[in-house]
Protein backbone atom coordinates (compact mmCIF):
# COMPACT_ATOMS: atom_id res chain seq x y z
CA MET A 1 20.25 3.61 -4.16
CA GLY A 2 23.47 1.65 -4.33
CA GLU A 3 25.23 -0.13 -1.49
CA ALA A 4 27.98 2.49 -1.32
CA ALA A 5 25.44 5.30 -1.00
CA VAL A 6 23.60 3.47 1.77
CA GLN A 7 26.85 2.80 3.63
CA GLY A 8 27.75 6.47 3.29
CA LEU A 9 24.44 7.54 4.83
CA ILE A 10 24.93 5.09 7.67
CA ALA A 11 28.51 6.23 8.25
CA ARG A 12 27.34 9.86 8.40
CA LYS A 13 24.62 8.79 10.84
CA GLU A 14 21.87 10.29 8.75
CA PRO A 15 18.81 10.28 11.03
CA ALA A 16 16.38 9.04 8.40
CA MET A 17 18.65 6.13 7.50
CA LEU A 18 19.21 5.20 11.14
CA ARG A 19 15.45 5.24 11.79
CA ALA A 20 14.86 3.07 8.73
CA LEU A 21 17.48 0.58 9.88
CA ALA A 22 16.06 0.44 13.39
CA GLU A 23 12.52 -0.13 12.09
CA SER A 24 13.80 -2.81 9.72
CA GLU A 25 15.42 -4.63 12.65
CA LEU A 26 12.18 -4.44 14.65
CA ARG A 27 10.19 -5.80 11.69
CA GLY A 28 12.62 -8.73 11.52
CA ARG A 29 12.27 -9.44 15.23
CA ARG A 30 8.47 -9.28 14.98
CA ALA A 31 8.53 -11.67 12.04
CA SER A 32 10.80 -14.07 13.94
CA LEU A 33 8.48 -14.04 16.93
CA ARG A 34 5.51 -14.84 14.71
CA GLU A 35 7.43 -17.60 12.90
CA VAL A 36 8.43 -19.30 16.14
CA THR A 37 4.85 -18.99 17.40
CA THR A 38 3.58 -20.71 14.26
CA ALA A 39 6.31 -23.36 14.36
CA ARG A 40 5.33 -24.19 17.95
CA GLY A 41 1.73 -24.69 16.78
CA PHE A 42 0.39 -21.68 18.69
CA THR A 43 -2.01 -19.05 17.43
CA LEU A 44 -1.73 -15.45 18.56
CA THR A 45 -4.85 -13.68 19.72
CA ALA A 46 -5.67 -10.35 18.10
CA ALA A 47 -4.53 -8.62 21.30
CA GLN A 48 -1.19 -10.46 21.31
CA ASP A 49 -0.66 -9.68 17.65
CA GLU A 50 -1.41 -6.00 18.28
CA ARG A 51 0.96 -6.01 21.25
CA ILE A 52 3.79 -7.26 19.03
CA ASP A 53 3.09 -4.45 16.56
CA ALA A 54 2.57 -1.78 19.21
CA GLY A 55 6.13 -0.55 18.96
CA ALA A 56 7.93 -2.78 21.42
CA ASP A 57 11.67 -2.20 21.51
CA ALA A 58 14.28 -4.74 20.43
CA ALA A 59 15.04 -5.94 23.97
CA THR A 60 11.35 -6.58 24.68
CA LEU A 61 10.82 -8.44 21.41
CA ASP A 62 13.95 -10.53 22.05
CA GLY A 63 12.66 -11.43 25.52
CA TRP A 64 9.30 -12.50 24.13
CA LEU A 65 11.04 -14.56 21.46
CA ARG A 66 13.23 -16.33 24.06
CA ARG A 67 10.16 -17.14 26.15
CA MET A 68 8.18 -18.30 23.11
CA VAL A 69 10.81 -20.94 22.34
CA THR A 70 10.04 -22.83 25.56
CA ALA A 71 6.56 -21.59 26.52
CA ALA A 72 3.73 -24.03 27.12
CA SER A 73 1.41 -21.66 25.23
CA ALA A 74 1.43 -18.25 23.58
CA ASP A 75 -0.44 -16.91 26.61
CA ALA A 76 2.44 -17.99 28.86
CA VAL A 77 4.81 -15.61 27.09
CA TRP A 78 2.93 -12.58 28.36
CA SER A 79 1.56 -13.99 31.63
CA SER A 80 4.68 -12.96 33.60
CA GLU A 81 4.30 -9.29 32.69
């Protein structure tokens, strides 16, 4: 599908396209959170990894990412919840 076709679907607010875009944004946020975790030298537990994938919304993922940047450990990111 070409760029013009995609833009047309977005402009018409096609539900399937909007869902795909939203999920793509969430995948990117999840990947960023994992990258920062790795860059900080932390390892996620299986439970933390599952929590990231559990369908958190963009605002929640952004909050976790902000906390991960300065957290003393990966556990500290979720300890305040």
